[in-house]
Amino acid sequence: MKLIVPLLLLFILAGCQKTKPASDEVSQSETVSETLPILTPSMEKLGRVAMVNESARFVVLSFPIGKVAAPGQQLNVYRNEMKIGELRVTGPQRENNTVADIVAGNPNVNDEVRGD
């Protein structure tokens, strides 16, 4: 009987000890970030529209040195951070300029071009 009472107290204390399951410890901010995708647009300015030929549906693009897009590359055109068109680089390329066909939209001179 003397051994049973201390064992009962030990079991009672062990059962009352607070344990937190790993799934309950997730904060609300972690839960929100797991369920909602985070969309971060690319702000890298790859190039600019230097000239537009609307009748032939092509543009001449100007890029920083060493960043010229490769032939066949798909590019998006942005005006005021809004996507307004799509291009496909066709060439020819001369120094930091190249030619691209207009796939969609109506790009204007000085619109930004990105490869996202």
C-alpha atoms as a PDB file:
ATOM      1  CA  MET A   1       0.000   0.000   0.000  1.00  0.00           C
ATOM      2  CA  LYS A   2       2.865   2.371   0.802  1.00  0.00           C
ATOM      3  CA  LEU A   3       4.279   1.798  -2.704  1.00  0.00           C
ATOM      4  CA  ILE A   4       0.950   2.323  -4.490  1.00  0.00           C
ATOM      5  CA  VAL A   5       0.338   5.858  -3.129  1.00  0.00           C
ATOM      6  CA  PRO A   6       3.680   7.304  -4.386  1.00  0.00           C
ATOM      7  CA  LEU A   7       3.181   5.567  -7.767  1.00  0.00           C
ATOM      8  CA  LEU A   8      -0.327   7.023  -8.074  1.00  0.00           C
ATOM      9  CA  LEU A   9       1.007  10.503  -7.271  1.00  0.00           C
ATOM     10  CA  LEU A  10       3.760  10.051  -9.850  1.00  0.00           C
ATOM     11  CA  PHE A  11       1.247   9.044 -12.556  1.00  0.00           C
ATOM     12  CA  ILE A  12      -1.085  11.904 -11.644  1.00  0.00           C
ATOM     13  CA  LEU A  13       1.733  14.481 -11.835  1.00  0.00           C
ATOM     14  CA  ALA A  14       3.054  13.026 -15.097  1.00  0.00           C
ATOM     15  CA  GLY A  15      -0.449  13.092 -16.609  1.00  0.00           C
ATOM     16  CA  CYS A  16      -1.006  16.735 -15.620  1.00  0.00           C
ATOM     17  CA  GLN A  17       2.244  17.910 -17.107  1.00  0.00           C
ATOM     18  CA  LYS A  18       1.495  20.264 -20.013  1.00  0.00           C
ATOM     19  CA  THR A  19       2.709  19.038 -23.385  1.00  0.00           C
ATOM     20  CA  LYS A  20       2.265  20.932 -26.634  1.00  0.00           C
ATOM     21  CA  PRO A  21       1.876  18.934 -29.825  1.00  0.00           C
ATOM     22  CA  ALA A  22       3.910  20.328 -32.729  1.00  0.00           C
ATOM     23  CA  SER A  23       0.781  20.969 -34.841  1.00  0.00           C
ATOM     24  CA  ASP A  24      -0.780  23.212 -32.159  1.00  0.00           C
ATOM     25  CA  GLU A  25       2.371  25.331 -31.791  1.00  0.00           C
ATOM     26  CA  VAL A  26       2.077  26.807 -35.296  1.00  0.00           C
ATOM     27  CA  SER A  27       1.293  30.489 -35.013  1.00  0.00           C
ATOM     28  CA  GLN A  28      -1.426  32.134 -37.027  1.00  0.00           C
ATOM     29  CA  SER A  29       1.094  33.985 -39.218  1.00  0.00           C
ATOM     30  CA  GLU A  30       2.806  30.703 -40.128  1.00  0.00           C
ATOM     31  CA  THR A  31      -0.558  29.163 -40.999  1.00  0.00           C
ATOM     32  CA  VAL A  32      -1.463  32.078 -43.256  1.00  0.00           C
ATOM     33  CA  SER A  33       1.880  31.957 -45.071  1.00  0.00           C
ATOM     34  CA  GLU A  34       1.469  28.228 -45.682  1.00  0.00           C
ATOM     35  CA  THR A  35      -2.007  28.564 -47.168  1.00  0.00           C
ATOM     36  CA  LEU A  36      -1.650  31.751 -49.238  1.00  0.00           C
ATOM     37  CA  PRO A  37       0.904  31.936 -52.039  1.00  0.00           C
ATOM     38  CA  ILE A  38       3.242  34.897 -52.028  1.00  0.00           C
ATOM     39  CA  LEU A  39       3.470  36.505 -55.454  1.00  0.00           C
ATOM     40  CA  THR A  40       6.428  38.783 -55.932  1.00  0.00           C
ATOM     41  CA  PRO A  41       6.764  40.249 -59.407  1.00  0.00           C
ATOM     42  CA  SER A  42      10.213  40.517 -60.867  1.00  0.00           C
ATOM     43  CA  MET A  43      11.355  44.116 -60.783  1.00  0.00           C
ATOM     44  CA  GLU A  44      14.501  43.440 -62.803  1.00  0.00           C
ATOM     45  CA  LYS A  45      14.457  45.725 -65.829  1.00  0.00           C
ATOM     46  CA  LEU A  46      15.925  43.631 -68.575  1.00  0.00           C
ATOM     47  CA  GLY A  47      15.550  46.154 -71.403  1.00  0.00           C
ATOM     48  CA  ARG A  48      13.471  48.840 -73.102  1.00  0.00           C
ATOM     49  CA  VAL A  49      11.567  49.191 -76.357  1.00  0.00           C
ATOM     50  CA  ALA A  50      13.686  51.486 -78.558  1.00  0.00           C
ATOM     51  CA  MET A  51      11.542  51.456 -81.725  1.00  0.00           C
ATOM     52  CA  VAL A  52       8.148  50.077 -82.776  1.00  0.00           C
ATOM     53  CA  ASN A  53       7.048  49.084 -86.291  1.00  0.00           C
ATOM     54  CA  GLU A  54       3.299  48.536 -85.870  1.00  0.00           C
ATOM     55  CA  SER A  55       2.592  47.583 -89.486  1.00  0.00           C
ATOM     56  CA  ALA A  56       5.231  44.818 -89.534  1.00  0.00           C
ATOM     57  CA  ARG A  57       4.514  43.884 -85.849  1.00  0.00           C
ATOM     58  CA  PHE A  58       8.107  44.023 -84.570  1.00  0.00           C
ATOM     59  CA  VAL A  59      10.118  46.117 -82.116  1.00  0.00           C
ATOM     60  CA  VAL A  60      13.765  46.972 -81.628  1.00  0.00           C
ATOM     61  CA  LEU A  61      14.856  46.365 -78.038  1.00  0.00           C
ATOM     62  CA  SER A  62      17.741  48.025 -76.230  1.00  0.00           C
ATOM     63  CA  PHE A  63      19.464  46.187 -73.377  1.00  0.00           C
ATOM     64  CA  PRO A  64      22.238  46.967 -70.890  1.00  0.00           C
ATOM     65  CA  ILE A  65      25.656  45.700 -71.977  1.00  0.00           C
ATOM     66  CA  GLY A  66      25.886  41.944 -71.418  1.00  0.00           C
ATOM     67  CA  LYS A  67      22.130  41.473 -70.852  1.00  0.00           C
ATOM     68  CA  VAL A  68      20.866  41.087 -74.447  1.00  0.00           C
ATOM     69  CA  ALA A  69      18.070  38.516 -74.784  1.00  0.00           C
ATOM     70  CA  ALA A  70      18.761  35.381 -76.814  1.00  0.00           C
ATOM     71  CA  PRO A  71      16.878  34.533 -80.036  1.00  0.00           C
ATOM     72  CA  GLY A  72      13.698  32.587 -79.290  1.00  0.00           C
ATOM     73  CA  GLN A  73      13.367  34.015 -75.782  1.00  0.00           C
ATOM     74  CA  GLN A  74       9.867  35.057 -74.678  1.00  0.00           C
ATOM     75  CA  LEU A  75       9.695  38.499 -73.054  1.00  0.00           C
ATOM     76  CA  ASN A  76       6.925  40.456 -71.371  1.00  0.00           C
ATOM     77  CA  VAL A  77       6.343  44.166 -71.948  1.00  0.00           C
ATOM     78  CA  TYR A  78       5.389  46.410 -69.005  1.00  0.00           C
ATOM     79  CA  ARG A  79       4.070  49.964 -68.846  1.00  0.00           C
ATOM     80  CA  ASN A  80       3.677  51.561 -65.400  1.00  0.00           C
ATOM     81  CA  GLU A  81       4.339  48.145 -63.790  1.00  0.00           C
ATOM     82  CA  MET A  82       1.386  46.572 -65.690  1.00  0.00           C
ATOM     83  CA  LYS A  83       1.954  43.816 -68.237  1.00  0.00           C
ATOM     84  CA  ILE A  84       0.713  45.070 -71.590  1.00  0.00           C
ATOM     85  CA  GLY A  85       2.220  42.656 -74.111  1.00  0.00           C
ATOM     86  CA  GLU A  86       4.433  39.737 -75.077  1.00  0.00           C
ATOM     87  CA  LEU A  87       7.398  39.520 -77.436  1.00  0.00           C
ATOM     88  CA  ARG A  88       9.523  36.773 -79.002  1.00  0.00           C
ATOM     89  CA  VAL A  89      13.138  37.671 -79.772  1.00  0.00           C
ATOM     90  CA  THR A  90      13.970  36.876 -83.391  1.00  0.00           C
ATOM     91  CA  GLY A  91      17.123  38.875 -84.115  1.00  0.00           C
ATOM     92  CA  PRO A  92      19.240  40.112 -85.719  1.00  0.00           C
ATOM     93  CA  GLN A  93      21.311  41.411 -82.838  1.00  0.00           C
ATOM     94  CA  ARG A  94      23.710  44.337 -83.125  1.00  0.00           C
ATOM     95  CA  GLU A  95      25.702  45.394 -80.027  1.00  0.00           C
ATOM     96  CA  ASN A  96      23.140  45.877 -77.233  1.00  0.00           C
ATOM     97  CA  ASN A  97      20.095  45.990 -79.559  1.00  0.00           C
ATOM     98  CA  THR A  98      18.005  43.163 -80.971  1.00  0.00           C
ATOM     99  CA  VAL A  99      14.707  42.668 -82.809  1.00  0.00           C
ATOM    100  CA  ALA A 100      11.599  40.929 -81.425  1.00  0.00           C
ATOM    101  CA  ASP A 101       8.237  40.036 -82.938  1.00  0.00           C
ATOM    102  CA  ILE A 102       5.116  41.337 -81.182  1.00  0.00           C
ATOM    103  CA  VAL A 103       3.147  38.287 -80.016  1.00  0.00           C
ATOM    104  CA  ALA A 104       0.465  40.187 -78.058  1.00  0.00           C
ATOM    105  CA  GLY A 105      -0.331  43.762 -77.065  1.00  0.00           C
ATOM    106  CA  ASN A 106       0.745  47.143 -78.404  1.00  0.00           C
ATOM    107  CA  PRO A 107       4.141  48.138 -76.996  1.00  0.00           C
ATOM    108  CA  ASN A 108       5.322  51.755 -77.157  1.00  0.00           C
ATOM    109  CA  VAL A 109       8.780  53.288 -77.145  1.00  0.00           C
ATOM    110  CA  ASN A 110      10.350  53.257 -73.625  1.00  0.00           C
ATOM    111  CA  ASP A 111       8.130  50.400 -72.326  1.00  0.00           C
ATOM    112  CA  GLU A 112      10.073  48.046 -70.040  1.00  0.00           C
ATOM    113  CA  VAL A 113      10.920  44.528 -71.175  1.00  0.00           C
ATOM    114  CA  ARG A 114      11.478  41.656 -68.723  1.00  0.00           C
ATOM    115  CA  GLY A 115      12.110  37.976 -69.115  1.00  0.00           C
ATOM    116  CA  ASP A 116       9.899  36.839 -66.221  1.00  0.00           C
END
